Amino acid sequence: VYVLLCYDGSFYTGYTKNLEVRIRLHQLGRGARYTMSHKPQKL
């Protein structure tokens, strides 16, 4: 279970079985609908 801080100051919470791959997908804009419009800054 992970929490990302987005550039707009919001948080995104999700779960995964492969954390590194999932974070990379979020950074590429393909991880979740929310992180497409709220760019993730860091885990």
PDB file of all heavy atoms in Angstrom:
ATOM      1  N   VAL A   1       0.889  -1.154   0.000  1.00  0.00           N
ATOM      2  CA  VAL A   1       0.000   0.000   0.000  1.00  0.00           C
ATOM      3  C   VAL A   1       0.927   1.204   0.000  1.00  0.00           C
ATOM      4  O   VAL A   1       1.900   1.241   0.747  1.00  0.00           O
ATOM      5  CB  VAL A   1      -0.905   0.013   1.246  1.00  0.00           C
ATOM      6  CG1 VAL A   1      -1.761   1.267   1.263  1.00  0.00           C
ATOM      7  CG2 VAL A   1      -1.764  -1.227   1.295  1.00  0.00           C
ATOM      8  N   TYR A   2       0.651   2.171  -0.850  1.00  0.00           N
ATOM      9  CA  TYR A   2       1.574   3.296  -0.994  1.00  0.00           C
ATOM     10  C   TYR A   2       0.824   4.608  -1.115  1.00  0.00           C
ATOM     11  O   TYR A   2      -0.358   4.640  -1.474  1.00  0.00           O
ATOM     12  CB  TYR A   2       2.477   3.088  -2.219  1.00  0.00           C
ATOM     13  CG  TYR A   2       1.718   3.015  -3.519  1.00  0.00           C
ATOM     14  CD1 TYR A   2       1.527   4.143  -4.299  1.00  0.00           C
ATOM     15  CD2 TYR A   2       1.175   1.814  -3.962  1.00  0.00           C
ATOM     16  CE1 TYR A   2       0.822   4.087  -5.484  1.00  0.00           C
ATOM     17  CE2 TYR A   2       0.468   1.736  -5.143  1.00  0.00           C
ATOM     18  CZ  TYR A   2       0.292   2.874  -5.906  1.00  0.00           C
ATOM     19  OH  TYR A   2      -0.416   2.823  -7.070  1.00  0.00           O
ATOM     20  N   VAL A   3       1.535   5.680  -0.776  1.00  0.00           N
ATOM     21  CA  VAL A   3       0.988   7.024  -0.890  1.00  0.00           C
ATOM     22  C   VAL A   3       1.982   7.861  -1.685  1.00  0.00           C
ATOM     23  O   VAL A   3       3.172   7.895  -1.363  1.00  0.00           O
ATOM     24  CB  VAL A   3       0.741   7.660   0.495  1.00  0.00           C
ATOM     25  CG1 VAL A   3       0.201   9.074   0.345  1.00  0.00           C
ATOM     26  CG2 VAL A   3      -0.201   6.812   1.339  1.00  0.00           C
ATOM     27  N   LEU A   4       1.480   8.515  -2.717  1.00  0.00           N
ATOM     28  CA  LEU A   4       2.288   9.416  -3.532  1.00  0.00           C
ATOM     29  C   LEU A   4       1.902  10.859  -3.218  1.00  0.00           C
ATOM     30  O   LEU A   4       0.718  11.161  -3.056  1.00  0.00           O
ATOM     31  CB  LEU A   4       2.028   9.180  -5.024  1.00  0.00           C
ATOM     32  CG  LEU A   4       2.338   7.813  -5.594  1.00  0.00           C
ATOM     33  CD1 LEU A   4       1.876   7.744  -7.040  1.00  0.00           C
ATOM     34  CD2 LEU A   4       3.815   7.511  -5.487  1.00  0.00           C
ATOM     35  N   LEU A   5       2.884  11.720  -3.162  1.00  0.00           N
ATOM     36  CA  LEU A   5       2.636  13.152  -3.082  1.00  0.00           C
ATOM     37  C   LEU A   5       2.650  13.684  -4.505  1.00  0.00           C
ATOM     38  O   LEU A   5       3.594  13.427  -5.262  1.00  0.00           O
ATOM     39  CB  LEU A   5       3.719  13.844  -2.251  1.00  0.00           C
ATOM     40  CG  LEU A   5       3.657  15.367  -2.214  1.00  0.00           C
ATOM     41  CD1 LEU A   5       2.366  15.831  -1.535  1.00  0.00           C
ATOM     42  CD2 LEU A   5       4.880  15.930  -1.510  1.00  0.00           C
ATOM     43  N   CYS A   6       1.597  14.394  -4.867  1.00  0.00           N
ATOM     44  CA  CYS A   6       1.512  14.959  -6.222  1.00  0.00           C
ATOM     45  C   CYS A   6       2.004  16.407  -6.199  1.00  0.00           C
ATOM     46  O   CYS A   6       2.051  17.050  -5.149  1.00  0.00           O
ATOM     47  CB  CYS A   6       0.076  14.890  -6.726  1.00  0.00           C
ATOM     48  SG  CYS A   6      -0.537  13.190  -6.841  1.00  0.00           S
ATOM     49  N   TYR A   7       2.368  16.927  -7.372  1.00  0.00           N
ATOM     50  CA  TYR A   7       2.904  18.281  -7.467  1.00  0.00           C
ATOM     51  C   TYR A   7       1.926  19.352  -7.002  1.00  0.00           C
ATOM     52  O   TYR A   7       2.332  20.432  -6.596  1.00  0.00           O
ATOM     53  CB  TYR A   7       3.386  18.579  -8.890  1.00  0.00           C
ATOM     54  CG  TYR A   7       4.762  18.023  -9.161  1.00  0.00           C
ATOM     55  CD1 TYR A   7       4.920  16.841  -9.878  1.00  0.00           C
ATOM     56  CD2 TYR A   7       5.901  18.665  -8.691  1.00  0.00           C
ATOM     57  CE1 TYR A   7       6.181  16.309 -10.126  1.00  0.00           C
ATOM     58  CE2 TYR A   7       7.167  18.148  -8.919  1.00  0.00           C
ATOM     59  CZ  TYR A   7       7.299  16.971  -9.642  1.00  0.00           C
ATOM     60  OH  TYR A   7       8.557  16.447  -9.867  1.00  0.00           O
ATOM     61  N   ASP A   8       0.627  19.062  -7.045  1.00  0.00           N
ATOM     62  CA  ASP A   8      -0.353  20.047  -6.578  1.00  0.00           C
ATOM     63  C   ASP A   8      -0.586  19.964  -5.070  1.00  0.00           C
ATOM     64  O   ASP A   8      -1.440  20.659  -4.532  1.00  0.00           O
ATOM     65  CB  ASP A   8      -1.672  19.903  -7.337  1.00  0.00           C
ATOM     66  CG  ASP A   8      -2.373  18.578  -7.084  1.00  0.00           C
ATOM     67  OD1 ASP A   8      -1.842  17.725  -6.343  1.00  0.00           O
ATOM     68  OD2 ASP A   8      -3.475  18.380  -7.646  1.00  0.00           O
ATOM     69  N   GLY A   9       0.168  19.096  -4.379  1.00  0.00           N
ATOM     70  CA  GLY A   9       0.047  18.969  -2.930  1.00  0.00           C
ATOM     71  C   GLY A   9      -0.934  17.903  -2.477  1.00  0.00           C
ATOM     72  O   GLY A   9      -1.047  17.637  -1.287  1.00  0.00           O
ATOM     73  N   SER A  10      -1.641  17.294  -3.416  1.00  0.00           N
ATOM     74  CA  SER A  10      -2.584  16.240  -3.065  1.00  0.00           C
ATOM     75  C   SER A  10      -1.849  14.910  -2.890  1.00  0.00           C
ATOM     76  O   SER A  10      -0.683  14.767  -3.275  1.00  0.00           O
ATOM     77  CB  SER A  10      -3.667  16.108  -4.140  1.00  0.00           C
ATOM     78  OG  SER A  10      -3.097  15.693  -5.365  1.00  0.00           O
ATOM     79  N   PHE A  11      -2.550  13.944  -2.313  1.00  0.00           N
ATOM     80  CA  PHE A  11      -1.999  12.606  -2.133  1.00  0.00           C
ATOM     81  C   PHE A  11      -2.790  11.604  -2.957  1.00  0.00           C
ATOM     82  O   PHE A  11      -4.002  11.750  -3.129  1.00  0.00           O
ATOM     83  CB  PHE A  11      -2.064  12.182  -0.662  1.00  0.00           C
ATOM     84  CG  PHE A  11      -1.141  12.936   0.235  1.00  0.00           C
ATOM     85  CD1 PHE A  11      -1.621  13.901   1.104  1.00  0.00           C
ATOM     86  CD2 PHE A  11       0.220  12.677   0.232  1.00  0.00           C
ATOM     87  CE1 PHE A  11      -0.771  14.591   1.941  1.00  0.00           C
ATOM     88  CE2 PHE A  11       1.086  13.367   1.060  1.00  0.00           C
ATOM     89  CZ  PHE A  11       0.586  14.329   1.917  1.00  0.00           C
ATOM     90  N   TYR A  12      -2.102  10.601  -3.466  1.00  0.00           N
ATOM     91  CA  TYR A  12      -2.751   9.474  -4.144  1.00  0.00           C
ATOM     92  C   TYR A  12      -2.367   8.211  -3.384  1.00  0.00           C
ATOM     93  O   TYR A  12      -1.191   7.996  -3.080  1.00  0.00           O
ATOM     94  CB  TYR A  12      -2.289   9.354  -5.605  1.00  0.00           C
ATOM     95  CG  TYR A  12      -2.831   8.110  -6.253  1.00  0.00           C
ATOM     96  CD1 TYR A  12      -4.130   8.075  -6.738  1.00  0.00           C
ATOM     97  CD2 TYR A  12      -2.066   6.949  -6.326  1.00  0.00           C
ATOM     98  CE1 TYR A  12      -4.651   6.916  -7.291  1.00  0.00           C
ATOM     99  CE2 TYR A  12      -2.580   5.791  -6.888  1.00  0.00           C
ATOM    100  CZ  TYR A  12      -3.876   5.780  -7.360  1.00  0.00           C
ATOM    101  OH  TYR A  12      -4.395   4.632  -7.899  1.00  0.00           O
ATOM    102  N   THR A  13      -3.347   7.370  -3.083  1.00  0.00           N
ATOM    103  CA  THR A  13      -3.118   6.118  -2.370  1.00  0.00           C
ATOM    104  C   THR A  13      -3.525   4.954  -3.253  1.00  0.00           C
ATOM    105  O   THR A  13      -4.578   4.991  -3.896  1.00  0.00           O
ATOM    106  CB  THR A  13      -3.942   6.085  -1.068  1.00  0.00           C
ATOM    107  OG1 THR A  13      -3.620   7.225  -0.291  1.00  0.00           O
ATOM    108  CG2 THR A  13      -3.657   4.821  -0.272  1.00  0.00           C
ATOM    109  N   GLY A  14      -2.692   3.920  -3.279  1.00  0.00           N
ATOM    110  CA  GLY A  14      -3.001   2.736  -4.063  1.00  0.00           C
ATOM    111  C   GLY A  14      -2.354   1.508  -3.466  1.00  0.00           C
ATOM    112  O   GLY A  14      -1.682   1.573  -2.441  1.00  0.00           O
ATOM    113  N   TYR A  15      -2.570   0.373  -4.125  1.00  0.00           N
ATOM    114  CA  TYR A  15      -1.910  -0.864  -3.712  1.00  0.00           C
ATOM    115  C   TYR A  15      -1.401  -1.577  -4.950  1.00  0.00           C
ATOM    116  O   TYR A  15      -1.903  -1.372  -6.054  1.00  0.00           O
ATOM    117  CB  TYR A  15      -2.850  -1.763  -2.891  1.00  0.00           C
ATOM    118  CG  TYR A  15      -3.851  -2.512  -3.722  1.00  0.00           C
ATOM    119  CD1 TYR A  15      -3.582  -3.802  -4.171  1.00  0.00           C
ATOM    120  CD2 TYR A  15      -5.055  -1.934  -4.076  1.00  0.00           C
ATOM    121  CE1 TYR A  15      -4.486  -4.485  -4.958  1.00  0.00           C
ATOM    122  CE2 TYR A  15      -5.968  -2.615  -4.851  1.00  0.00           C
ATOM    123  CZ  TYR A  15      -5.694  -3.894  -5.281  1.00  0.00           C
ATOM    124  OH  TYR A  15      -6.582  -4.567  -6.068  1.00  0.00           O
ATOM    125  N   THR A  16      -0.387  -2.416  -4.766  1.00  0.00           N
ATOM    126  CA  THR A  16       0.222  -3.126  -5.879  1.00  0.00           C
ATOM    127  C   THR A  16       1.043  -4.294  -5.366  1.00  0.00           C
ATOM    128  O   THR A  16       1.387  -4.333  -4.188  1.00  0.00           O
ATOM    129  CB  THR A  16       1.125  -2.190  -6.716  1.00  0.00           C
ATOM    130  OG1 THR A  16       1.617  -2.877  -7.851  1.00  0.00           O
ATOM    131  CG2 THR A  16       2.299  -1.664  -5.892  1.00  0.00           C
ATOM    132  N   LYS A  17       1.390  -5.197  -6.255  1.00  0.00           N
ATOM    133  CA  LYS A  17       2.315  -6.258  -5.859  1.00  0.00           C
ATOM    134  C   LYS A  17       3.733  -5.965  -6.326  1.00  0.00           C
ATOM    135  O   LYS A  17       4.670  -6.621  -5.911  1.00  0.00           O
ATOM    136  CB  LYS A  17       1.845  -7.630  -6.333  1.00  0.00           C
ATOM    137  CG  LYS A  17       1.655  -7.780  -7.805  1.00  0.00           C
ATOM    138  CD  LYS A  17       1.097  -9.160  -8.110  1.00  0.00           C
ATOM    139  CE  LYS A  17       0.765  -9.280  -9.580  1.00  0.00           C
ATOM    140  NZ  LYS A  17       0.233 -10.580  -9.898  1.00  0.00           N
ATOM    141  N   ASN A  18       3.911  -4.959  -7.195  1.00  0.00           N
ATOM    142  CA  ASN A  18       5.243  -4.564  -7.643  1.00  0.00           C
ATOM    143  C   ASN A  18       5.355  -3.039  -7.543  1.00  0.00           C
ATOM    144  O   ASN A  18       4.957  -2.315  -8.451  1.00  0.00           O
ATOM    145  CB  ASN A  18       5.502  -5.032  -9.068  1.00  0.00           C
ATOM    146  CG  ASN A  18       6.938  -4.845  -9.479  1.00  0.00           C
ATOM    147  OD1 ASN A  18       7.611  -3.919  -9.055  1.00  0.00           O
ATOM    148  ND2 ASN A  18       7.415  -5.732 -10.333  1.00  0.00           N
ATOM    149  N   LEU A  19       5.906  -2.581  -6.455  1.00  0.00           N
ATOM    150  CA  LEU A  19       5.936  -1.151  -6.156  1.00  0.00           C
ATOM    151  C   LEU A  19       6.746  -0.353  -7.174  1.00  0.00           C
ATOM    152  O   LEU A  19       6.308   0.695  -7.647  1.00  0.00           O
ATOM    153  CB  LEU A  19       6.482  -0.932  -4.742  1.00  0.00           C
ATOM    154  CG  LEU A  19       6.398   0.469  -4.173  1.00  0.00           C
ATOM    155  CD1 LEU A  19       4.959   0.969  -4.157  1.00  0.00           C
ATOM    156  CD2 LEU A  19       6.986   0.500  -2.776  1.00  0.00           C
ATOM    157  N   GLU A  20       7.916  -0.834  -7.536  1.00  0.00           N
ATOM    158  CA  GLU A  20       8.772  -0.089  -8.477  1.00  0.00           C
ATOM    159  C   GLU A  20       8.091   0.110  -9.830  1.00  0.00           C
ATOM    160  O   GLU A  20       8.110   1.209 -10.383  1.00  0.00           O
ATOM    161  CB  GLU A  20      10.097  -0.816  -8.661  1.00  0.00           C
ATOM    162  CG  GLU A  20      11.013  -0.728  -7.472  1.00  0.00           C
ATOM    163  CD  GLU A  20      12.343  -1.422  -7.720  1.00  0.00           C
ATOM    164  OE1 GLU A  20      12.787  -1.473  -8.882  1.00  0.00           O
ATOM    165  OE2 GLU A  20      12.928  -1.912  -6.742  1.00  0.00           O
ATOM    166  N   VAL A  21       7.496  -0.948 -10.353  1.00  0.00           N
ATOM    167  CA  VAL A  21       6.829  -0.857 -11.657  1.00  0.00           C
ATOM    168  C   VAL A  21       5.623   0.071 -11.576  1.00  0.00           C
ATOM    169  O   VAL A  21       5.398   0.900 -12.462  1.00  0.00           O
ATOM    170  CB  VAL A  21       6.413  -2.263 -12.157  1.00  0.00           C
ATOM    171  CG1 VAL A  21       5.504  -2.170 -13.366  1.00  0.00           C
ATOM    172  CG2 VAL A  21       7.639  -3.092 -12.469  1.00  0.00           C
ATOM    173  N   ARG A  22       4.866  -0.028 -10.503  1.00  0.00           N
ATOM    174  CA  ARG A  22       3.666   0.795 -10.360  1.00  0.00           C
ATOM    175  C   ARG A  22       4.023   2.284 -10.268  1.00  0.00           C
ATOM    176  O   ARG A  22       3.375   3.126 -10.891  1.00  0.00           O
ATOM    177  CB  ARG A  22       2.893   0.356  -9.119  1.00  0.00           C
ATOM    178  CG  ARG A  22       1.553   1.015  -8.994  1.00  0.00           C
ATOM    179  CD  ARG A  22       0.611   0.511 -10.052  1.00  0.00           C
ATOM    180  NE  ARG A  22      -0.717   1.046  -9.786  1.00  0.00           N
ATOM    181  CZ  ARG A  22      -1.630   1.212 -10.701  1.00  0.00           C
ATOM    182  NH1 ARG A  22      -1.408   0.830 -11.942  1.00  0.00           N
ATOM    183  NH2 ARG A  22      -2.794   1.717 -10.399  1.00  0.00           N
ATOM    184  N   ILE A  23       5.064   2.609  -9.522  1.00  0.00           N
ATOM    185  CA  ILE A  23       5.492   4.006  -9.408  1.00  0.00           C
ATOM    186  C   ILE A  23       5.930   4.528 -10.772  1.00  0.00           C
ATOM    187  O   ILE A  23       5.592   5.649 -11.167  1.00  0.00           O
ATOM    188  CB  ILE A  23       6.635   4.152  -8.374  1.00  0.00           C
ATOM    189  CG1 ILE A  23       6.189   3.708  -6.990  1.00  0.00           C
ATOM    190  CG2 ILE A  23       7.161   5.587  -8.350  1.00  0.00           C
ATOM    191  CD1 ILE A  23       4.981   4.391  -6.434  1.00  0.00           C
ATOM    192  N   ARG A  24       6.667   3.712 -11.500  1.00  0.00           N
ATOM    193  CA  ARG A  24       7.110   4.105 -12.844  1.00  0.00           C
ATOM    194  C   ARG A  24       5.906   4.373 -13.756  1.00  0.00           C
ATOM    195  O   ARG A  24       5.896   5.349 -14.512  1.00  0.00           O
ATOM    196  CB  ARG A  24       8.007   3.022 -13.440  1.00  0.00           C
ATOM    197  CG  ARG A  24       8.792   3.507 -14.633  1.00  0.00           C
ATOM    198  CD  ARG A  24       9.868   2.534 -15.124  1.00  0.00           C
ATOM    199  NE  ARG A  24      10.551   1.811 -14.056  1.00  0.00           N
ATOM    200  CZ  ARG A  24      10.551   0.475 -13.930  1.00  0.00           C
ATOM    201  NH1 ARG A  24       9.925  -0.280 -14.807  1.00  0.00           N
ATOM    202  NH2 ARG A  24      11.201  -0.104 -12.930  1.00  0.00           N
ATOM    203  N   LEU A  25       4.885   3.531 -13.679  1.00  0.00           N
ATOM    204  CA  LEU A  25       3.675   3.736 -14.489  1.00  0.00           C
ATOM    205  C   LEU A  25       2.992   5.056 -14.128  1.00  0.00           C
ATOM    206  O   LEU A  25       2.538   5.788 -15.012  1.00  0.00           O
ATOM    207  CB  LEU A  25       2.702   2.570 -14.311  1.00  0.00           C
ATOM    208  CG  LEU A  25       3.094   1.269 -14.982  1.00  0.00           C
ATOM    209  CD1 LEU A  25       2.138   0.153 -14.580  1.00  0.00           C
ATOM    210  CD2 LEU A  25       3.109   1.424 -16.497  1.00  0.00           C
ATOM    211  N   HIS A  26       2.921   5.353 -12.838  1.00  0.00           N
ATOM    212  CA  HIS A  26       2.339   6.639 -12.413  1.00  0.00           C
ATOM    213  C   HIS A  26       3.136   7.799 -13.001  1.00  0.00           C
ATOM    214  O   HIS A  26       2.562   8.768 -13.506  1.00  0.00           O
ATOM    215  CB  HIS A  26       2.312   6.754 -10.892  1.00  0.00           C
ATOM    216  CG  HIS A  26       1.232   5.962 -10.235  1.00  0.00           C
ATOM    217  ND1 HIS A  26      -0.105   6.167 -10.474  1.00  0.00           N
ATOM    218  CD2 HIS A  26       1.300   4.961  -9.329  1.00  0.00           C
ATOM    219  CE1 HIS A  26      -0.815   5.337  -9.745  1.00  0.00           C
ATOM    220  NE2 HIS A  26       0.015   4.581  -9.035  1.00  0.00           N
ATOM    221  N   GLN A  27       4.446   7.717 -12.951  1.00  0.00           N
ATOM    222  CA  GLN A  27       5.294   8.795 -13.468  1.00  0.00           C
ATOM    223  C   GLN A  27       5.127   8.977 -14.971  1.00  0.00           C
ATOM    224  O   GLN A  27       5.272  10.080 -15.490  1.00  0.00           O
ATOM    225  CB  GLN A  27       6.755   8.535 -13.111  1.00  0.00           C
ATOM    226  CG  GLN A  27       7.019   8.662 -11.631  1.00  0.00           C
ATOM    227  CD  GLN A  27       8.399   8.182 -11.228  1.00  0.00           C
ATOM    228  OE1 GLN A  27       9.021   7.378 -11.916  1.00  0.00           O
ATOM    229  NE2 GLN A  27       8.872   8.660 -10.086  1.00  0.00           N
ATOM    230  N   LEU A  28       4.813   7.894 -15.665  1.00  0.00           N
ATOM    231  CA  LEU A  28       4.600   7.962 -17.114  1.00  0.00           C
ATOM    232  C   LEU A  28       3.180   8.375 -17.476  1.00  0.00           C
ATOM    233  O   LEU A  28       2.846   8.499 -18.646  1.00  0.00           O
ATOM    234  CB  LEU A  28       4.911   6.600 -17.755  1.00  0.00           C
ATOM    235  CG  LEU A  28       6.369   6.152 -17.691  1.00  0.00           C
ATOM    236  CD1 LEU A  28       6.496   4.703 -18.170  1.00  0.00           C
ATOM    237  CD2 LEU A  28       7.245   7.072 -18.514  1.00  0.00           C
ATOM    238  N   GLY A  29       2.323   8.566 -16.453  1.00  0.00           N
ATOM    239  CA  GLY A  29       0.937   8.965 -16.705  1.00  0.00           C
ATOM    240  C   GLY A  29       0.034   7.807 -17.053  1.00  0.00           C
ATOM    241  O   GLY A  29      -1.065   8.000 -17.564  1.00  0.00           O
ATOM    242  N   ARG A  30       0.465   6.580 -16.772  1.00  0.00           N
ATOM    243  CA  ARG A  30      -0.322   5.404 -17.118  1.00  0.00           C
ATOM    244  C   ARG A  30      -0.714   4.575 -15.891  1.00  0.00           C
ATOM    245  O   ARG A  30      -1.217   3.477 -16.023  1.00  0.00           O
ATOM    246  CB  ARG A  30       0.467   4.518 -18.088  1.00  0.00           C
ATOM    247  CG  ARG A  30       0.767   5.227 -19.381  1.00  0.00           C
ATOM    248  CD  ARG A  30       1.419   4.383 -20.442  1.00  0.00           C
ATOM    249  NE  ARG A  30       1.824   3.067 -20.026  1.00  0.00           N
ATOM    250  CZ  ARG A  30       2.972   2.486 -20.325  1.00  0.00           C
ATOM    251  NH1 ARG A  30       3.845   3.134 -21.040  1.00  0.00           N
ATOM    252  NH2 ARG A  30       3.265   1.277 -19.914  1.00  0.00           N
ATOM    253  N   GLY A  31      -0.483   5.116 -14.683  1.00  0.00           N
ATOM    254  CA  GLY A  31      -0.730   4.349 -13.472  1.00  0.00           C
ATOM    255  C   GLY A  31      -2.172   4.366 -13.010  1.00  0.00           C
ATOM    256  O   GLY A  31      -2.703   3.373 -12.558  1.00  0.00           O
ATOM    257  N   ALA A  32      -2.813   5.518 -13.108  1.00  0.00           N
ATOM    258  CA  ALA A  32      -4.200   5.679 -12.668  1.00  0.00           C
ATOM    259  C   ALA A  32      -4.744   6.965 -13.271  1.00  0.00           C
ATOM    260  O   ALA A  32      -3.988   7.873 -13.614  1.00  0.00           O
ATOM    261  CB  ALA A  32      -4.266   5.748 -11.152  1.00  0.00           C
ATOM    262  N   ARG A  33      -6.041   7.041 -13.380  1.00  0.00           N
ATOM    263  CA  ARG A  33      -6.671   8.230 -13.943  1.00  0.00           C
ATOM    264  C   ARG A  33      -6.304   9.478 -13.131  1.00  0.00           C
ATOM    265  O   ARG A  33      -6.023  10.536 -13.692  1.00  0.00           O
ATOM    266  CB  ARG A  33      -8.188   8.046 -13.969  1.00  0.00           C
ATOM    267  CG  ARG A  33      -8.901   9.133 -14.722  1.00  0.00           C
ATOM    268  CD  ARG A  33     -10.371   8.847 -14.877  1.00  0.00           C
ATOM    269  NE  ARG A  33     -10.537   7.570 -15.578  1.00  0.00           N
ATOM    270  CZ  ARG A  33     -11.608   6.791 -15.477  1.00  0.00           C
ATOM    271  NH1 ARG A  33     -12.601   7.147 -14.703  1.00  0.00           N
ATOM    272  NH2 ARG A  33     -11.689   5.670 -16.142  1.00  0.00           N
ATOM    273  N   TYR A  34      -6.287   9.344 -11.803  1.00  0.00           N
ATOM    274  CA  TYR A  34      -5.981  10.489 -10.944  1.00  0.00           C
ATOM    275  C   TYR A  34      -4.587  11.030 -11.208  1.00  0.00           C
ATOM    276  O   TYR A  34      -4.388  12.241 -11.297  1.00  0.00           O
ATOM    277  CB  TYR A  34      -6.131  10.101  -9.468  1.00  0.00           C
ATOM    278  CG  TYR A  34      -5.979  11.276  -8.536  1.00  0.00           C
ATOM    279  CD1 TYR A  34      -7.065  12.092  -8.243  1.00  0.00           C
ATOM    280  CD2 TYR A  34      -4.753  11.586  -7.960  1.00  0.00           C
ATOM    281  CE1 TYR A  34      -6.935  13.189  -7.405  1.00  0.00           C
ATOM    282  CE2 TYR A  34      -4.613  12.677  -7.124  1.00  0.00           C
ATOM    283  CZ  TYR A  34      -5.705  13.474  -6.848  1.00  0.00           C
ATOM    284  OH  TYR A  34      -5.563  14.562  -6.028  1.00  0.00           O
ATOM    285  N   THR A  35      -3.613  10.150 -11.326  1.00  0.00           N
ATOM    286  CA  THR A  35      -2.232  10.610 -11.507  1.00  0.00           C
ATOM    287  C   THR A  35      -1.942  11.068 -12.932  1.00  0.00           C
ATOM    288  O   THR A  35      -0.863  11.594 -13.196  1.00  0.00           O
ATOM    289  CB  THR A  35      -1.212   9.541 -11.062  1.00  0.00           C
ATOM    290  OG1 THR A  35      -1.447   8.327 -11.770  1.00  0.00           O
ATOM    291  CG2 THR A  35      -1.277   9.319  -9.568  1.00  0.00           C
ATOM    292  N   MET A  36      -2.897  10.884 -13.841  1.00  0.00           N
ATOM    293  CA  MET A  36      -2.733  11.465 -15.180  1.00  0.00           C
ATOM    294  C   MET A  36      -2.877  12.979 -15.107  1.00  0.00           C
ATOM    295  O   MET A  36      -2.182  13.710 -15.794  1.00  0.00           O
ATOM    296  CB  MET A  36      -3.784  10.902 -16.140  1.00  0.00           C
ATOM    297  CG  MET A  36      -3.528   9.511 -16.604  1.00  0.00           C
ATOM    298  SD  MET A  36      -4.808   9.058 -17.784  1.00  0.00           S
ATOM    299  CE  MET A  36      -4.689   7.294 -17.699  1.00  0.00           C
ATOM    300  N   SER A  37      -3.794  13.436 -14.242  1.00  0.00           N
ATOM    301  CA  SER A  37      -4.040  14.872 -14.145  1.00  0.00           C
ATOM    302  C   SER A  37      -3.384  15.510 -12.920  1.00  0.00           C
ATOM    303  O   SER A  37      -3.331  16.726 -12.814  1.00  0.00           O
ATOM    304  CB  SER A  37      -5.541  15.149 -14.122  1.00  0.00           C
ATOM    305  OG  SER A  37      -6.144  14.489 -13.034  1.00  0.00           O
ATOM    306  N   HIS A  38      -2.912  14.694 -11.991  1.00  0.00           N
ATOM    307  CA  HIS A  38      -2.208  15.164 -10.799  1.00  0.00           C
ATOM    308  C   HIS A  38      -0.846  14.477 -10.783  1.00  0.00           C
ATOM    309  O   HIS A  38      -0.677  13.433 -10.168  1.00  0.00           O
ATOM    310  CB  HIS A  38      -2.983  14.824  -9.521  1.00  0.00           C
ATOM    311  CG  HIS A  38      -4.341  15.425  -9.460  1.00  0.00           C
ATOM    312  ND1 HIS A  38      -5.430  14.852 -10.062  1.00  0.00           N
ATOM    313  CD2 HIS A  38      -4.778  16.564  -8.872  1.00  0.00           C
ATOM    314  CE1 HIS A  38      -6.487  15.602  -9.851  1.00  0.00           C
ATOM    315  NE2 HIS A  38      -6.121  16.646  -9.126  1.00  0.00           N
ATOM    316  N   LYS A  39       0.095  15.057 -11.480  1.00  0.00           N
ATOM    317  CA  LYS A  39       1.417  14.446 -11.677  1.00  0.00           C
ATOM    318  C   LYS A  39       2.074  14.086 -10.334  1.00  0.00           C
ATOM    319  O   LYS A  39       2.221  14.942  -9.464  1.00  0.00           O
ATOM    320  CB  LYS A  39       2.304  15.415 -12.451  1.00  0.00           C
ATOM    321  CG  LYS A  39       3.637  14.870 -12.840  1.00  0.00           C
ATOM    322  CD  LYS A  39       3.556  14.112 -14.120  1.00  0.00           C
ATOM    323  CE  LYS A  39       4.972  13.783 -14.569  1.00  0.00           C
ATOM    324  NZ  LYS A  39       5.055  12.536 -15.234  1.00  0.00           N
ATOM    325  N   PRO A  40       2.464  12.825 -10.154  1.00  0.00           N
ATOM    326  CA  PRO A  40       3.104  12.434  -8.903  1.00  0.00           C
ATOM    327  C   PRO A  40       4.522  12.997  -8.777  1.00  0.00           C
ATOM    328  O   PRO A  40       5.287  12.983  -9.737  1.00  0.00           O
ATOM    329  CB  PRO A  40       3.124  10.905  -8.954  1.00  0.00           C
ATOM    330  CG  PRO A  40       3.021  10.566 -10.395  1.00  0.00           C
ATOM    331  CD  PRO A  40       2.295  11.685 -11.056  1.00  0.00           C
ATOM    332  N   GLN A  41       4.816  13.491  -7.596  1.00  0.00           N
ATOM    333  CA  GLN A  41       6.134  14.059  -7.325  1.00  0.00           C
ATOM    334  C   GLN A  41       7.056  13.013  -6.724  1.00  0.00           C
ATOM    335  O   GLN A  41       8.172  12.831  -7.188  1.00  0.00           O
ATOM    336  CB  GLN A  41       5.989  15.241  -6.365  1.00  0.00           C
ATOM    337  CG  GLN A  41       7.274  15.943  -6.045  1.00  0.00           C
ATOM    338  CD  GLN A  41       7.038  17.127  -5.110  1.00  0.00           C
ATOM    339  OE1 GLN A  41       5.942  17.347  -4.622  1.00  0.00           O
ATOM    340  NE2 GLN A  41       8.073  17.878  -4.866  1.00  0.00           N
ATOM    341  N   LYS A  42       6.566  12.315  -5.672  1.00  0.00           N
ATOM    342  CA  LYS A  42       7.416  11.306  -5.041  1.00  0.00           C
ATOM    343  C   LYS A  42       6.589  10.359  -4.180  1.00  0.00           C
ATOM    344  O   LYS A  42       5.486  10.684  -3.749  1.00  0.00           O
ATOM    345  CB  LYS A  42       8.500  11.954  -4.194  1.00  0.00           C
ATOM    346  CG  LYS A  42       7.981  12.767  -3.024  1.00  0.00           C
ATOM    347  CD  LYS A  42       9.124  13.395  -2.246  1.00  0.00           C
ATOM    348  CE  LYS A  42       8.586  14.289  -1.138  1.00  0.00           C
ATOM    349  NZ  LYS A  42       9.656  14.851  -0.332  1.00  0.00           N
ATOM    350  N   LEU A  43       7.162   9.217  -3.923  1.00  0.00           N
ATOM    351  CA  LEU A  43       6.601   8.235  -3.003  1.00  0.00           C
ATOM    352  C   LEU A  43       6.912   8.722  -1.593  1.00  0.00           C
ATOM    353  O   LEU A  43       8.067   8.981  -1.266  1.00  0.00           O
ATOM    354  CB  LEU A  43       7.243   6.869  -3.243  1.00  0.00           C
ATOM    355  CG  LEU A  43       6.865   5.748  -2.288  1.00  0.00           C
ATOM    356  CD1 LEU A  43       5.405   5.353  -2.482  1.00  0.00           C
ATOM    357  CD2 LEU A  43       7.770   4.538  -2.509  1.00  0.00           C
TER     358      LEU A  43
END
